[in-house]
Amino acid sequence: MTNYGVGLQYQNALQDFEALTPNAVVGARVAANVGELRAPPFEANGFVALHIRRTDHWGSQLTDDDFGAFVRAHPSHAVYLATDNAITQQKFVGSAEHGHRVRACTRI
């Protein structure tokens, strides 16, 4: 017995995900970001990433200090930061403690 409904749902989901494929400009920027994060002196250790949302996640109890603790827990890694808040971004990028390791997402 074949369930054609499941196959159709899968095909629709596959088409939805294919629509999320980055275009050439976005793909090139991602490649450049990853290249910077894997550059010396961090090439042997890799990188960690933070996605700090402030404008649409009002119920979050996490603070910038909580995310800072995560960064401090990975002292030998580069840090990729994506945030929707300029104050938070500047706090991490401008940090005397770990700012030299932080690369921040910018608009493409």
Protein backbone atom coordinates (compact mmCIF):
# COMPACT_ATOMS: atom_id res chain seq x y z
CA MET A 1 0.00 0.00 0.00
CA THR A 2 1.38 3.42 -0.96
CA ASN A 3 0.72 6.63 0.92
CA TYR A 4 0.90 9.26 -1.81
CA GLY A 5 0.00 12.04 0.64
CA VAL A 6 3.29 11.61 2.51
CA GLY A 7 5.27 11.75 -0.73
CA LEU A 8 3.51 14.96 -1.78
CA GLN A 9 4.15 16.53 1.62
CA TYR A 10 7.82 15.61 1.33
CA GLN A 11 8.04 17.10 -2.18
CA ASN A 12 6.44 20.36 -0.97
CA ALA A 13 8.85 20.54 1.98
CA LEU A 14 11.80 19.90 -0.33
CA GLN A 15 10.72 22.75 -2.60
CA ASP A 16 10.37 25.05 0.41
CA PHE A 17 13.90 24.24 1.59
CA GLU A 18 15.33 24.67 -1.91
CA ALA A 19 13.94 28.21 -1.90
CA LEU A 20 16.22 28.94 1.08
CA THR A 21 19.39 28.23 -0.92
CA PRO A 22 21.62 31.34 -0.70
CA ASN A 23 22.16 33.32 -3.86
CA ALA A 24 25.70 33.92 -5.17
CA VAL A 25 26.19 37.17 -3.22
CA VAL A 26 25.15 35.61 0.09
CA GLY A 27 27.17 32.47 -0.61
CA ALA A 28 30.29 34.52 -1.32
CA ARG A 29 29.87 36.54 1.89
CA VAL A 30 29.43 33.37 3.95
CA ALA A 31 32.59 31.91 2.39
CA ALA A 32 34.49 35.12 3.19
CA ASN A 33 33.27 35.09 6.81
CA VAL A 34 34.28 31.47 7.30
CA GLY A 35 37.67 32.19 5.71
CA GLU A 36 38.28 35.05 8.16
CA LEU A 37 37.22 32.90 11.11
CA ARG A 38 39.59 30.11 10.09
CA ALA A 39 42.56 32.42 9.51
CA PRO A 40 45.60 32.56 11.78
CA PRO A 41 45.85 32.41 14.71
CA PHE A 42 42.57 30.49 14.97
CA GLU A 43 42.90 28.02 12.08
CA ALA A 44 43.75 25.10 14.35
CA ASN A 45 40.91 25.71 16.80
CA GLY A 46 38.00 26.73 14.60
CA PHE A 47 35.33 29.12 15.76
CA VAL A 48 32.19 29.36 17.82
CA ALA A 49 29.13 31.40 16.92
CA LEU A 50 26.60 33.51 18.78
CA HIS A 51 23.18 34.52 17.50
CA ILE A 52 21.92 37.12 19.95
CA ARG A 53 18.42 38.34 19.20
CA ARG A 54 17.13 41.34 21.08
CA THR A 55 14.37 42.98 19.03
CA ASP A 56 12.00 40.02 18.67
CA HIS A 57 12.81 37.79 21.66
CA TRP A 58 11.68 40.00 24.50
CA GLY A 59 11.05 37.15 26.90
CA SER A 60 14.65 35.91 26.93
CA GLN A 61 16.34 35.95 30.31
CA LEU A 62 19.84 35.74 28.77
CA THR A 63 22.03 38.80 29.12
CA ASP A 64 25.08 39.98 27.21
CA ASP A 65 27.09 38.83 30.23
CA ASP A 66 25.71 35.29 29.77
CA PHE A 67 26.91 35.30 26.17
CA GLY A 68 30.22 36.81 27.31
CA ALA A 69 30.69 33.84 29.63
CA PHE A 70 30.28 31.55 26.62
CA VAL A 71 32.95 33.51 24.74
CA ARG A 72 35.28 33.35 27.74
CA ALA A 73 34.74 29.57 27.92
CA HIS A 74 36.27 29.28 24.42
CA PRO A 75 39.42 31.41 24.73
CA SER A 76 41.28 29.84 21.81
CA HIS A 77 38.46 30.17 19.28
CA ALA A 78 37.44 32.95 16.94
CA VAL A 79 33.86 34.13 17.52
CA TYR A 80 31.23 34.83 14.89
CA LEU A 81 28.50 37.16 16.15
CA ALA A 82 25.12 37.69 14.57
CA THR A 83 22.84 40.10 16.40
CA ASP A 84 20.04 42.51 15.64
CA ASN A 85 21.20 45.02 18.24
CA ALA A 86 23.96 47.56 17.56
CA ILE A 87 24.68 48.07 21.27
CA THR A 88 25.20 44.35 21.82
CA GLN A 89 27.37 44.12 18.70
CA GLN A 90 29.58 47.01 19.81
CA LYS A 91 29.87 45.54 23.29
CA PHE A 92 31.43 42.36 21.88
CA VAL A 93 33.42 43.82 18.99
CA GLY A 94 34.78 46.64 21.15
CA SER A 95 35.61 44.46 24.13
CA ALA A 96 39.19 44.81 25.35
CA GLU A 97 38.98 41.23 26.64
CA HIS A 98 37.86 39.38 23.52
CA GLY A 99 37.08 41.91 20.79
CA HIS A 100 40.14 40.84 18.80
CA ARG A 101 38.50 37.41 18.33
CA VAL A 102 35.03 38.65 17.33
CA ARG A 103 33.84 38.97 13.75
CA ALA A 104 30.37 40.44 13.47
CA CYS A 105 27.74 39.87 10.83
CA THR A 106 27.05 42.95 8.73
CA ARG A 107 24.36 43.56 6.19
CA ILE A 108 24.96 41.96 2.84
